[in-house]
Amino acid sequence: MGFNLIAFVELSLWLTCWTDENLGRRFHGCFREQIDAEMCPRSMEVIPKLERHIHNLEELVLPMLIDEAEELEVVANRAREREEKLSLLLIMCWFLLHRSNLVSNEMKQQKKKL
């Protein structure tokens, strides 16, 4: 029974190398046998710098976004509380209005009887 190399390659995992020397090159299980050709020297110089720059920006922006999200959560909670209070006030006003109409109707009926 022979070993089918093509079937093995199709089933094996493709991994990606993220070292500065082999940035983004894919390989099958063994990092010595790369699938992709080596990048030009300029790419190998620029891409790691860009990745570090992106990482630094993420470190700067992420805390600001977290703070902003917390502030927005506080604002949302206040709005929710205000909505609950206004809903309760609306229900109370409706109840009082309904009650006053009932009393007014009763008084009109009593005047008619007199």
PDB file of N, CA and C in Angstrom:
ATOM      1  N   MET A   1       0.857  -1.176   0.000  1.00  0.00           N
ATOM      2  CA  MET A   1       0.000   0.000   0.000  1.00  0.00           C
ATOM      3  C   MET A   1       0.899   1.234   0.000  1.00  0.00           C
ATOM      4  N   GLY A   2       0.738   2.059  -1.029  1.00  0.00           N
ATOM      5  CA  GLY A   2       1.604   3.229  -1.187  1.00  0.00           C
ATOM      6  C   GLY A   2       1.082   4.431  -0.410  1.00  0.00           C
ATOM      7  N   PHE A   3       1.965   5.346  -0.152  1.00  0.00           N
ATOM      8  CA  PHE A   3       1.632   6.575   0.564  1.00  0.00           C
ATOM      9  C   PHE A   3       1.264   7.644  -0.460  1.00  0.00           C
ATOM     10  N   ASN A   4       0.069   8.207  -0.333  1.00  0.00           N
ATOM     11  CA  ASN A   4      -0.408   9.211  -1.280  1.00  0.00           C
ATOM     12  C   ASN A   4      -0.079  10.599  -0.728  1.00  0.00           C
ATOM     13  N   LEU A   5       0.996  11.198  -1.237  1.00  0.00           N
ATOM     14  CA  LEU A   5       1.460  12.498  -0.748  1.00  0.00           C
ATOM     15  C   LEU A   5       0.446  13.599  -1.054  1.00  0.00           C
ATOM     16  N   ILE A   6      -0.207  13.535  -2.196  1.00  0.00           N
ATOM     17  CA  ILE A   6      -1.179  14.567  -2.566  1.00  0.00           C
ATOM     18  C   ILE A   6      -2.351  14.569  -1.584  1.00  0.00           C
ATOM     19  N   ALA A   7      -2.844  13.391  -1.228  1.00  0.00           N
ATOM     20  CA  ALA A   7      -3.947  13.311  -0.268  1.00  0.00           C
ATOM     21  C   ALA A   7      -3.506  13.848   1.087  1.00  0.00           C
ATOM     22  N   PHE A   8      -2.267  13.573   1.479  1.00  0.00           N
ATOM     23  CA  PHE A   8      -1.755  14.067   2.756  1.00  0.00           C
ATOM     24  C   PHE A   8      -1.695  15.590   2.749  1.00  0.00           C
ATOM     25  N   VAL A   9      -1.196  16.176   1.662  1.00  0.00           N
ATOM     26  CA  VAL A   9      -1.083  17.634   1.579  1.00  0.00           C
ATOM     27  C   VAL A   9      -2.464  18.279   1.593  1.00  0.00           C
ATOM     28  N   GLU A  10      -3.437  17.665   0.927  1.00  0.00           N
ATOM     29  CA  GLU A  10      -4.784  18.227   0.906  1.00  0.00           C
ATOM     30  C   GLU A  10      -5.447  18.163   2.278  1.00  0.00           C
ATOM     31  N   LEU A  11      -5.121  17.149   3.077  1.00  0.00           N
ATOM     32  CA  LEU A  11      -5.735  16.992   4.392  1.00  0.00           C
ATOM     33  C   LEU A  11      -4.987  17.744   5.489  1.00  0.00           C
ATOM     34  N   SER A  12      -3.720  18.039   5.258  1.00  0.00           N
ATOM     35  CA  SER A  12      -2.936  18.677   6.316  1.00  0.00           C
ATOM     36  C   SER A  12      -3.354  20.135   6.489  1.00  0.00           C
ATOM     37  N   LEU A  13      -3.049  20.656   7.658  1.00  0.00           N
ATOM     38  CA  LEU A  13      -3.389  22.039   7.972  1.00  0.00           C
ATOM     39  C   LEU A  13      -2.401  22.994   7.330  1.00  0.00           C
ATOM     40  N   TRP A  14      -2.923  24.086   6.844  1.00  0.00           N
ATOM     41  CA  TRP A  14      -2.058  25.152   6.366  1.00  0.00           C
ATOM     42  C   TRP A  14      -1.883  26.124   7.516  1.00  0.00           C
ATOM     43  N   LEU A  15      -0.671  26.332   7.917  1.00  0.00           N
ATOM     44  CA  LEU A  15      -0.374  27.259   8.995  1.00  0.00           C
ATOM     45  C   LEU A  15       0.313  28.482   8.407  1.00  0.00           C
ATOM     46  N   THR A  16       0.254  29.575   9.122  1.00  0.00           N
ATOM     47  CA  THR A  16       0.880  30.810   8.654  1.00  0.00           C
ATOM     48  C   THR A  16       1.938  31.233   9.648  1.00  0.00           C
ATOM     49  N   CYS A  17       3.086  31.568   9.130  1.00  0.00           N
ATOM     50  CA  CYS A  17       4.209  32.008   9.957  1.00  0.00           C
ATOM     51  C   CYS A  17       4.117  33.520  10.144  1.00  0.00           C
ATOM     52  N   TRP A  18       4.292  33.986  11.377  1.00  0.00           N
ATOM     53  CA  TRP A  18       4.206  35.420  11.637  1.00  0.00           C
ATOM     54  C   TRP A  18       5.509  35.985  12.197  1.00  0.00           C
ATOM     55  N   THR A  19       6.619  35.340  11.927  1.00  0.00           N
ATOM     56  CA  THR A  19       7.906  35.918  12.316  1.00  0.00           C
ATOM     57  C   THR A  19       8.276  36.997  11.309  1.00  0.00           C
ATOM     58  N   ASP A  20       9.156  37.908  11.695  1.00  0.00           N
ATOM     59  CA  ASP A  20       9.559  38.983  10.786  1.00  0.00           C
ATOM     60  C   ASP A  20      10.235  38.446   9.529  1.00  0.00           C
ATOM     61  N   GLU A  21      10.942  37.330   9.643  1.00  0.00           N
ATOM     62  CA  GLU A  21      11.669  36.786   8.496  1.00  0.00           C
ATOM     63  C   GLU A  21      10.737  36.098   7.500  1.00  0.00           C
ATOM     64  N   ASN A  22       9.687  35.445   7.973  1.00  0.00           N
ATOM     65  CA  ASN A  22       8.782  34.682   7.103  1.00  0.00           C
ATOM     66  C   ASN A  22       7.339  35.155   7.250  1.00  0.00           C
ATOM     67  N   LEU A  23       7.174  36.414   7.343  1.00  0.00           N
ATOM     68  CA  LEU A  23       5.876  37.001   7.643  1.00  0.00           C
ATOM     69  C   LEU A  23       4.821  36.609   6.616  1.00  0.00           C
ATOM     70  N   GLY A  24       3.773  35.947   7.085  1.00  0.00           N
ATOM     71  CA  GLY A  24       2.642  35.613   6.241  1.00  0.00           C
ATOM     72  C   GLY A  24       2.843  34.421   5.325  1.00  0.00           C
ATOM     73  N   ARG A  25       3.983  33.778   5.375  1.00  0.00           N
ATOM     74  CA  ARG A  25       4.200  32.615   4.508  1.00  0.00           C
ATOM     75  C   ARG A  25       3.501  31.413   5.108  1.00  0.00           C
ATOM     76  N   ARG A  26       2.845  30.656   4.241  1.00  0.00           N
ATOM     77  CA  ARG A  26       2.099  29.480   4.692  1.00  0.00           C
ATOM     78  C   ARG A  26       2.967  28.236   4.570  1.00  0.00           C
ATOM     79  N   PHE A  27       2.668  27.259   5.432  1.00  0.00           N
ATOM     80  CA  PHE A  27       3.401  25.994   5.399  1.00  0.00           C
ATOM     81  C   PHE A  27       2.492  24.878   5.869  1.00  0.00           C
ATOM     82  N   HIS A  28       2.856  23.649   5.491  1.00  0.00           N
ATOM     83  CA  HIS A  28       2.111  22.446   5.887  1.00  0.00           C
ATOM     84  C   HIS A  28       2.828  21.793   7.061  1.00  0.00           C
ATOM     85  N   GLY A  29       2.402  22.064   8.257  1.00  0.00           N
ATOM     86  CA  GLY A  29       2.921  21.368   9.421  1.00  0.00           C
ATOM     87  C   GLY A  29       4.380  21.627   9.751  1.00  0.00           C
ATOM     88  N   CYS A  30       5.263  21.694   8.779  1.00  0.00           N
ATOM     89  CA  CYS A  30       6.690  21.911   9.034  1.00  0.00           C
ATOM     90  C   CYS A  30       7.079  23.275   8.475  1.00  0.00           C
ATOM     91  N   PHE A  31       7.579  24.140   9.344  1.00  0.00           N
ATOM     92  CA  PHE A  31       7.893  25.494   8.909  1.00  0.00           C
ATOM     93  C   PHE A  31       9.059  25.551   7.923  1.00  0.00           C
ATOM     94  N   ARG A  32       9.782  24.452   7.769  1.00  0.00           N
ATOM     95  CA  ARG A  32      10.911  24.440   6.824  1.00  0.00           C
ATOM     96  C   ARG A  32      10.436  24.287   5.383  1.00  0.00           C
ATOM     97  N   GLU A  33       9.245  23.750   5.194  1.00  0.00           N
ATOM     98  CA  GLU A  33       8.721  23.533   3.843  1.00  0.00           C
ATOM     99  C   GLU A  33       7.596  24.529   3.582  1.00  0.00           C
ATOM    100  N   GLN A  34       7.980  25.708   3.150  1.00  0.00           N
ATOM    101  CA  GLN A  34       7.029  26.784   2.897  1.00  0.00           C
ATOM    102  C   GLN A  34       6.248  26.532   1.611  1.00  0.00           C
ATOM    103  N   ILE A  35       4.988  26.947   1.593  1.00  0.00           N
ATOM    104  CA  ILE A  35       4.154  26.863   0.397  1.00  0.00           C
ATOM    105  C   ILE A  35       4.369  28.102  -0.459  1.00  0.00           C
ATOM    106  N   ASP A  36       4.416  29.244   0.184  1.00  0.00           N
ATOM    107  CA  ASP A  36       4.536  30.513  -0.524  1.00  0.00           C
ATOM    108  C   ASP A  36       5.999  30.862  -0.754  1.00  0.00           C
ATOM    109  N   ALA A  37       6.227  31.610  -1.823  1.00  0.00           N
ATOM    110  CA  ALA A  37       7.578  32.101  -2.100  1.00  0.00           C
ATOM    111  C   ALA A  37       7.936  33.182  -1.086  1.00  0.00           C
ATOM    112  N   GLU A  38       9.215  33.366  -0.886  1.00  0.00           N
ATOM    113  CA  GLU A  38       9.674  34.383   0.049  1.00  0.00           C
ATOM    114  C   GLU A  38       9.339  35.766  -0.499  1.00  0.00           C
ATOM    115  N   MET A  39       8.967  36.672   0.393  1.00  0.00           N
ATOM    116  CA  MET A  39       8.628  38.031  -0.027  1.00  0.00           C
ATOM    117  C   MET A  39       9.899  38.809  -0.330  1.00  0.00           C
ATOM    118  N   CYS A  40       9.706  39.924  -1.034  1.00  0.00           N
ATOM    119  CA  CYS A  40      10.860  40.766  -1.340  1.00  0.00           C
ATOM    120  C   CYS A  40      11.383  41.393  -0.052  1.00  0.00           C
ATOM    121  N   PRO A  41      12.653  41.776  -0.016  1.00  0.00           N
ATOM    122  CA  PRO A  41      13.236  42.351   1.207  1.00  0.00           C
ATOM    123  C   PRO A  41      12.494  43.594   1.704  1.00  0.00           C
ATOM    124  N   ARG A  42      12.010  44.407   0.780  1.00  0.00           N
ATOM    125  CA  ARG A  42      11.291  45.620   1.190  1.00  0.00           C
ATOM    126  C   ARG A  42      10.009  45.266   1.948  1.00  0.00           C
ATOM    127  N   SER A  43       9.282  44.271   1.474  1.00  0.00           N
ATOM    128  CA  SER A  43       8.063  43.832   2.168  1.00  0.00           C
ATOM    129  C   SER A  43       8.395  43.322   3.559  1.00  0.00           C
ATOM    130  N   MET A  44       9.490  42.581   3.653  1.00  0.00           N
ATOM    131  CA  MET A  44       9.883  42.032   4.955  1.00  0.00           C
ATOM    132  C   MET A  44      10.320  43.138   5.907  1.00  0.00           C
ATOM    133  N   GLU A  45      10.696  44.287   5.372  1.00  0.00           N
ATOM    134  CA  GLU A  45      11.081  45.418   6.208  1.00  0.00           C
ATOM    135  C   GLU A  45       9.865  46.259   6.601  1.00  0.00           C
ATOM    136  N   VAL A  46       8.957  46.474   5.654  1.00  0.00           N
ATOM    137  CA  VAL A  46       7.835  47.387   5.873  1.00  0.00           C
ATOM    138  C   VAL A  46       6.714  46.751   6.690  1.00  0.00           C
ATOM    139  N   ILE A  47       6.347  45.523   6.382  1.00  0.00           N
ATOM    140  CA  ILE A  47       5.181  44.899   7.017  1.00  0.00           C
ATOM    141  C   ILE A  47       5.327  44.788   8.539  1.00  0.00           C
ATOM    142  N   PRO A  48       6.463  44.349   9.080  1.00  0.00           N
ATOM    143  CA  PRO A  48       6.569  44.319  10.550  1.00  0.00           C
ATOM    144  C   PRO A  48       6.419  45.700  11.184  1.00  0.00           C
ATOM    145  N   LYS A  49       6.954  46.736  10.515  1.00  0.00           N
ATOM    146  CA  LYS A  49       6.798  48.092  11.050  1.00  0.00           C
ATOM    147  C   LYS A  49       5.329  48.503  11.046  1.00  0.00           C
ATOM    148  N   LEU A  50       4.633  48.164   9.975  1.00  0.00           N
ATOM    149  CA  LEU A  50       3.206  48.482   9.912  1.00  0.00           C
ATOM    150  C   LEU A  50       2.426  47.737  10.990  1.00  0.00           C
ATOM    151  N   GLU A  51       2.770  46.484  11.211  1.00  0.00           N
ATOM    152  CA  GLU A  51       2.093  45.714  12.268  1.00  0.00           C
ATOM    153  C   GLU A  51       2.335  46.325  13.641  1.00  0.00           C
ATOM    154  N   ARG A  52       3.572  46.736  13.913  1.00  0.00           N
ATOM    155  CA  ARG A  52       3.862  47.377  15.202  1.00  0.00           C
ATOM    156  C   ARG A  52       3.100  48.696  15.328  1.00  0.00           C
ATOM    157  N   HIS A  53       3.035  49.444  14.229  1.00  0.00           N
ATOM    158  CA  HIS A  53       2.307  50.710  14.237  1.00  0.00           C
ATOM    159  C   HIS A  53       0.822  50.472  14.533  1.00  0.00           C
ATOM    160  N   ILE A  54       0.242  49.485  13.901  1.00  0.00           N
ATOM    161  CA  ILE A  54      -1.167  49.146  14.146  1.00  0.00           C
ATOM    162  C   ILE A  54      -1.360  48.724  15.598  1.00  0.00           C
ATOM    163  N   HIS A  55      -0.450  47.905  16.115  1.00  0.00           N
ATOM    164  CA  HIS A  55      -0.542  47.450  17.507  1.00  0.00           C
ATOM    165  C   HIS A  55      -0.476  48.646  18.459  1.00  0.00           C
ATOM    166  N   ASN A  56       0.439  49.589  18.194  1.00  0.00           N
ATOM    167  CA  ASN A  56       0.553  50.777  19.046  1.00  0.00           C
ATOM    168  C   ASN A  56      -0.722  51.617  18.994  1.00  0.00           C
ATOM    169  N   LEU A  57      -1.291  51.765  17.806  1.00  0.00           N
ATOM    170  CA  LEU A  57      -2.541  52.518  17.688  1.00  0.00           C
ATOM    171  C   LEU A  57      -3.674  51.830  18.442  1.00  0.00           C
ATOM    172  N   GLU A  58      -3.725  50.506  18.357  1.00  0.00           N
ATOM    173  CA  GLU A  58      -4.754  49.770  19.095  1.00  0.00           C
ATOM    174  C   GLU A  58      -4.600  49.980  20.592  1.00  0.00           C
ATOM    175  N   GLU A  59      -3.354  50.001  21.068  1.00  0.00           N
ATOM    176  CA  GLU A  59      -3.128  50.222  22.501  1.00  0.00           C
ATOM    177  C   GLU A  59      -3.543  51.624  22.923  1.00  0.00           C
ATOM    178  N   LEU A  60      -3.421  52.599  22.015  1.00  0.00           N
ATOM    179  CA  LEU A  60      -3.837  53.963  22.336  1.00  0.00           C
ATOM    180  C   LEU A  60      -5.354  54.125  22.273  1.00  0.00           C
ATOM    181  N   VAL A  61      -5.959  53.552  21.263  1.00  0.00           N
ATOM    182  CA  VAL A  61      -7.374  53.786  21.001  1.00  0.00           C
ATOM    183  C   VAL A  61      -8.276  52.929  21.883  1.00  0.00           C
ATOM    184  N   LEU A  62      -7.882  51.715  22.170  1.00  0.00           N
ATOM    185  CA  LEU A  62      -8.738  50.801  22.925  1.00  0.00           C
ATOM    186  C   LEU A  62      -9.164  51.358  24.284  1.00  0.00           C
ATOM    187  N   PRO A  63      -8.251  51.908  25.102  1.00  0.00           N
ATOM    188  CA  PRO A  63      -8.713  52.472  26.381  1.00  0.00           C
ATOM    189  C   PRO A  63      -9.711  53.619  26.194  1.00  0.00           C
ATOM    190  N   MET A  64      -9.496  54.437  25.156  1.00  0.00           N
ATOM    191  CA  MET A  64     -10.442  55.530  24.902  1.00  0.00           C
ATOM    192  C   MET A  64     -11.812  54.984  24.525  1.00  0.00           C
ATOM    193  N   LEU A  65     -11.828  53.940  23.721  1.00  0.00           N
ATOM    194  CA  LEU A  65     -13.102  53.341  23.329  1.00  0.00           C
ATOM    195  C   LEU A  65     -13.807  52.703  24.519  1.00  0.00           C
ATOM    196  N   ILE A  66     -13.038  52.086  25.403  1.00  0.00           N
ATOM    197  CA  ILE A  66     -13.628  51.483  26.603  1.00  0.00           C
ATOM    198  C   ILE A  66     -14.234  52.563  27.489  1.00  0.00           C
ATOM    199  N   ASP A  67     -13.495  53.682  27.677  1.00  0.00           N
ATOM    200  CA  ASP A  67     -14.025  54.790  28.478  1.00  0.00           C
ATOM    201  C   ASP A  67     -15.303  55.352  27.865  1.00  0.00           C
ATOM    202  N   GLU A  68     -15.284  55.525  26.548  1.00  0.00           N
ATOM    203  CA  GLU A  68     -16.466  56.059  25.872  1.00  0.00           C
ATOM    204  C   GLU A  68     -17.650  55.107  26.001  1.00  0.00           C
ATOM    205  N   ALA A  69     -17.389  53.811  25.910  1.00  0.00           N
ATOM    206  CA  ALA A  69     -18.462  52.826  26.053  1.00  0.00           C
ATOM    207  C   ALA A  69     -19.050  52.873  27.461  1.00  0.00           C
ATOM    208  N   GLU A  70     -18.196  53.037  28.467  1.00  0.00           N
ATOM    209  CA  GLU A  70     -18.688  53.126  29.846  1.00  0.00           C
ATOM    210  C   GLU A  70     -19.539  54.379  30.038  1.00  0.00           C
ATOM    211  N   GLU A  71     -19.085  55.509  29.453  1.00  0.00           N
ATOM    212  CA  GLU A  71     -19.866  56.743  29.553  1.00  0.00           C
ATOM    213  C   GLU A  71     -21.220  56.589  28.862  1.00  0.00           C
ATOM    214  N   LEU A  72     -21.222  55.962  27.702  1.00  0.00           N
ATOM    215  CA  LEU A  72     -22.481  55.752  26.987  1.00  0.00           C
ATOM    216  C   LEU A  72     -23.412  54.822  27.754  1.00  0.00           C
ATOM    217  N   GLU A  73     -22.840  53.875  28.467  1.00  0.00           N
ATOM    218  CA  GLU A  73     -23.660  52.978  29.283  1.00  0.00           C
ATOM    219  C   GLU A  73     -24.326  53.746  30.419  1.00  0.00           C
ATOM    220  N   VAL A  74     -23.583  54.683  31.032  1.00  0.00           N
ATOM    221  CA  VAL A  74     -24.155  55.515  32.092  1.00  0.00           C
ATOM    222  C   VAL A  74     -25.295  56.362  31.528  1.00  0.00           C
ATOM    223  N   VAL A  75     -25.067  56.961  30.351  1.00  0.00           N
ATOM    224  CA  VAL A  75     -26.110  57.778  29.718  1.00  0.00           C
ATOM    225  C   VAL A  75     -27.335  56.924  29.399  1.00  0.00           C
ATOM    226  N   ALA A  76     -27.110  55.729  28.896  1.00  0.00           N
ATOM    227  CA  ALA A  76     -28.224  54.834  28.567  1.00  0.00           C
ATOM    228  C   ALA A  76     -29.000  54.451  29.822  1.00  0.00           C
ATOM    229  N   ASN A  77     -28.300  54.193  30.926  1.00  0.00           N
ATOM    230  CA  ASN A  77     -28.980  53.849  32.181  1.00  0.00           C
ATOM    231  C   ASN A  77     -29.831  55.015  32.675  1.00  0.00           C
ATOM    232  N   ARG A  78     -29.285  56.238  32.573  1.00  0.00           N
ATOM    233  CA  ARG A  78     -30.061  57.412  32.993  1.00  0.00           C
ATOM    234  C   ARG A  78     -31.306  57.570  32.124  1.00  0.00           C
ATOM    235  N   ALA A  79     -31.145  57.379  30.835  1.00  0.00           N
ATOM    236  CA  ALA A  79     -32.288  57.493  29.922  1.00  0.00           C
ATOM    237  C   ALA A  79     -33.337  56.432  30.238  1.00  0.00           C
ATOM    238  N   ARG A  80     -32.890  55.230  30.563  1.00  0.00           N
ATOM    239  CA  ARG A  80     -33.815  54.146  30.914  1.00  0.00           C
ATOM    240  C   ARG A  80     -34.579  54.491  32.194  1.00  0.00           C
ATOM    241  N   GLU A  81     -33.860  55.028  33.192  1.00  0.00           N
ATOM    242  CA  GLU A  81     -34.516  55.418  34.446  1.00  0.00           C
ATOM    243  C   GLU A  81     -35.536  56.531  34.195  1.00  0.00           C
ATOM    244  N   ARG A  82     -35.148  57.498  33.361  1.00  0.00           N
ATOM    245  CA  ARG A  82     -36.057  58.609  33.049  1.00  0.00           C
ATOM    246  C   ARG A  82     -37.299  58.094  32.321  1.00  0.00           C
ATOM    247  N   GLU A  83     -37.091  57.173  31.413  1.00  0.00           N
ATOM    248  CA  GLU A  83     -38.224  56.592  30.686  1.00  0.00           C
ATOM    249  C   GLU A  83     -39.171  55.871  31.640  1.00  0.00           C
ATOM    250  N   GLU A  84     -38.613  55.138  32.601  1.00  0.00           N
ATOM    251  CA  GLU A  84     -39.458  54.437  33.577  1.00  0.00           C
ATOM    252  C   GLU A  84     -40.255  55.430  34.420  1.00  0.00           C
ATOM    253  N   LYS A  85     -39.604  56.516  34.848  1.00  0.00           N
ATOM    254  CA  LYS A  85     -40.297  57.525  35.655  1.00  0.00           C
ATOM    255  C   LYS A  85     -41.401  58.204  34.850  1.00  0.00           C
ATOM    256  N   LEU A  86     -41.098  58.537  33.590  1.00  0.00           N
ATOM    257  CA  LEU A  86     -42.108  59.182  32.756  1.00  0.00           C
ATOM    258  C   LEU A  86     -43.272  58.241  32.461  1.00  0.00           C
ATOM    259  N   SER A  87     -42.982  56.971  32.291  1.00  0.00           N
ATOM    260  CA  SER A  87     -44.053  55.995  32.072  1.00  0.00           C
ATOM    261  C   SER A  87     -44.954  55.916  33.297  1.00  0.00           C
ATOM    262  N   LEU A  88     -44.346  55.887  34.466  1.00  0.00           N
ATOM    263  CA  LEU A  88     -45.124  55.853  35.707  1.00  0.00           C
ATOM    264  C   LEU A  88     -45.952  57.127  35.858  1.00  0.00           C
ATOM    265  N   LEU A  89     -45.352  58.269  35.553  1.00  0.00           N
ATOM    266  CA  LEU A  89     -46.069  59.536  35.625  1.00  0.00           C
ATOM    267  C   LEU A  89     -47.238  59.567  34.642  1.00  0.00           C
ATOM    268  N   LEU A  90     -47.033  59.045  33.448  1.00  0.00           N
ATOM    269  CA  LEU A  90     -48.104  58.984  32.453  1.00  0.00           C
ATOM    270  C   LEU A  90     -49.259  58.110  32.940  1.00  0.00           C
ATOM    271  N   ILE A  91     -48.932  56.984  33.530  1.00  0.00           N
ATOM    272  CA  ILE A  91     -49.972  56.093  34.061  1.00  0.00           C
ATOM    273  C   ILE A  91     -50.745  56.778  35.184  1.00  0.00           C
ATOM    274  N   MET A  92     -50.012  57.475  36.067  1.00  0.00           N
ATOM    275  CA  MET A  92     -50.680  58.178  37.170  1.00  0.00           C
ATOM    276  C   MET A  92     -51.583  59.288  36.637  1.00  0.00           C
ATOM    277  N   CYS A  93     -51.109  60.039  35.640  1.00  0.00           N
ATOM    278  CA  CYS A  93     -51.939  61.108  35.055  1.00  0.00           C
ATOM    279  C   CYS A  93     -53.185  60.528  34.401  1.00  0.00           C
ATOM    280  N   TRP A  94     -52.999  59.459  33.670  1.00  0.00           N
ATOM    281  CA  TRP A  94     -54.149  58.818  33.027  1.00  0.00           C
ATOM    282  C   TRP A  94     -55.155  58.357  34.080  1.00  0.00           C
ATOM    283  N   PHE A  95     -54.655  57.752  35.150  1.00  0.00           N
ATOM    284  CA  PHE A  95     -55.534  57.281  36.222  1.00  0.00           C
ATOM    285  C   PHE A  95     -56.290  58.446  36.851  1.00  0.00           C
ATOM    286  N   LEU A  96     -55.580  59.545  37.160  1.00  0.00           N
ATOM    287  CA  LEU A  96     -56.235  60.705  37.777  1.00  0.00           C
ATOM    288  C   LEU A  96     -57.253  61.333  36.830  1.00  0.00           C
ATOM    289  N   LEU A  97     -56.915  61.415  35.557  1.00  0.00           N
ATOM    290  CA  LEU A  97     -57.847  61.972  34.576  1.00  0.00           C
ATOM    291  C   LEU A  97     -59.094  61.097  34.463  1.00  0.00           C
ATOM    292  N   HIS A  98     -58.886  59.825  34.395  1.00  0.00           N
ATOM    293  CA  HIS A  98     -60.008  58.884  34.318  1.00  0.00           C
ATOM    294  C   HIS A  98     -60.875  58.983  35.576  1.00  0.00           C
ATOM    295  N   ARG A  99     -60.209  59.047  36.704  1.00  0.00           N
ATOM    296  CA  ARG A  99     -60.928  59.146  37.989  1.00  0.00           C
ATOM    297  C   ARG A  99     -61.723  60.449  38.065  1.00  0.00           C
ATOM    298  N   SER A 100     -61.122  61.556  37.623  1.00  0.00           N
ATOM    299  CA  SER A 100     -61.837  62.842  37.677  1.00  0.00           C
ATOM    300  C   SER A 100     -63.031  62.840  36.726  1.00  0.00           C
ATOM    301  N   ASN A 101     -62.913  62.169  35.591  1.00  0.00           N
ATOM    302  CA  ASN A 101     -64.057  62.056  34.681  1.00  0.00           C
ATOM    303  C   ASN A 101     -65.182  61.249  35.321  1.00  0.00           C
ATOM    304  N   LEU A 102     -64.822  60.197  36.022  1.00  0.00           N
ATOM    305  CA  LEU A 102     -65.841  59.399  36.708  1.00  0.00           C
ATOM    306  C   LEU A 102     -66.558  60.227  37.765  1.00  0.00           C
ATOM    307  N   VAL A 103     -65.792  60.980  38.551  1.00  0.00           N
ATOM    308  CA  VAL A 103     -66.386  61.813  39.602  1.00  0.00           C
ATOM    309  C   VAL A 103     -67.270  62.878  38.972  1.00  0.00           C
ATOM    310  N   SER A 104     -66.776  63.468  37.893  1.00  0.00           N
ATOM    311  CA  SER A 104     -67.550  64.507  37.210  1.00  0.00           C
ATOM    312  C   SER A 104     -68.861  63.942  36.666  1.00  0.00           C
ATOM    313  N   ASN A 105     -68.816  62.783  36.093  1.00  0.00           N
ATOM    314  CA  ASN A 105     -70.037  62.144  35.574  1.00  0.00           C
ATOM    315  C   ASN A 105     -71.013  61.816  36.700  1.00  0.00           C
ATOM    316  N   GLU A 106     -70.508  61.366  37.830  1.00  0.00           N
ATOM    317  CA  GLU A 106     -71.372  61.062  38.978  1.00  0.00           C
ATOM    318  C   GLU A 106     -72.049  62.329  39.482  1.00  0.00           C
ATOM    319  N   MET A 107     -71.291  63.425  39.520  1.00  0.00           N
ATOM    320  CA  MET A 107     -71.861  64.690  39.996  1.00  0.00           C
ATOM    321  C   MET A 107     -72.944  65.181  39.040  1.00  0.00           C
ATOM    322  N   LYS A 108     -72.723  65.021  37.746  1.00  0.00           N
ATOM    323  CA  LYS A 108     -73.736  65.427  36.766  1.00  0.00           C
ATOM    324  C   LYS A 108     -75.006  64.593  36.929  1.00  0.00           C
ATOM    325  N   GLN A 109     -74.841  63.317  37.175  1.00  0.00           N
ATOM    326  CA  GLN A 109     -76.007  62.446  37.356  1.00  0.00           C
ATOM    327  C   GLN A 109     -76.767  62.820  38.626  1.00  0.00           C
ATOM    328  N   GLN A 110     -76.044  63.169  39.683  1.00  0.00           N
ATOM    329  CA  GLN A 110     -76.706  63.568  40.928  1.00  0.00           C
ATOM    330  C   GLN A 110     -77.460  64.883  40.744  1.00  0.00           C
ATOM    331  N   LYS A 111     -76.912  65.828  39.977  1.00  0.00           N
ATOM    332  CA  LYS A 111     -77.593  67.099  39.730  1.00  0.00           C
ATOM    333  C   LYS A 111     -78.871  66.871  38.927  1.00  0.00           C
ATOM    334  N   LYS A 112     -78.806  65.923  37.989  1.00  0.00           N
ATOM    335  CA  LYS A 112     -79.992  65.629  37.188  1.00  0.00           C
ATOM    336  C   LYS A 112     -81.104  65.042  38.061  1.00  0.00           C
ATOM    337  N   LYS A 113     -80.738  64.264  39.047  1.00  0.00           N
ATOM    338  CA  LYS A 113     -81.724  63.656  39.936  1.00  0.00           C
ATOM    339  C   LYS A 113     -82.375  64.709  40.818  1.00  0.00           C
ATOM    340  N   LEU A 114     -81.670  65.744  41.131  1.00  0.00           N
ATOM    341  CA  LEU A 114     -82.207  66.777  42.022  1.00  0.00           C
ATOM    342  C   LEU A 114     -83.053  67.677  41.239  1.00  0.00           C
TER     343      LEU A 114
END
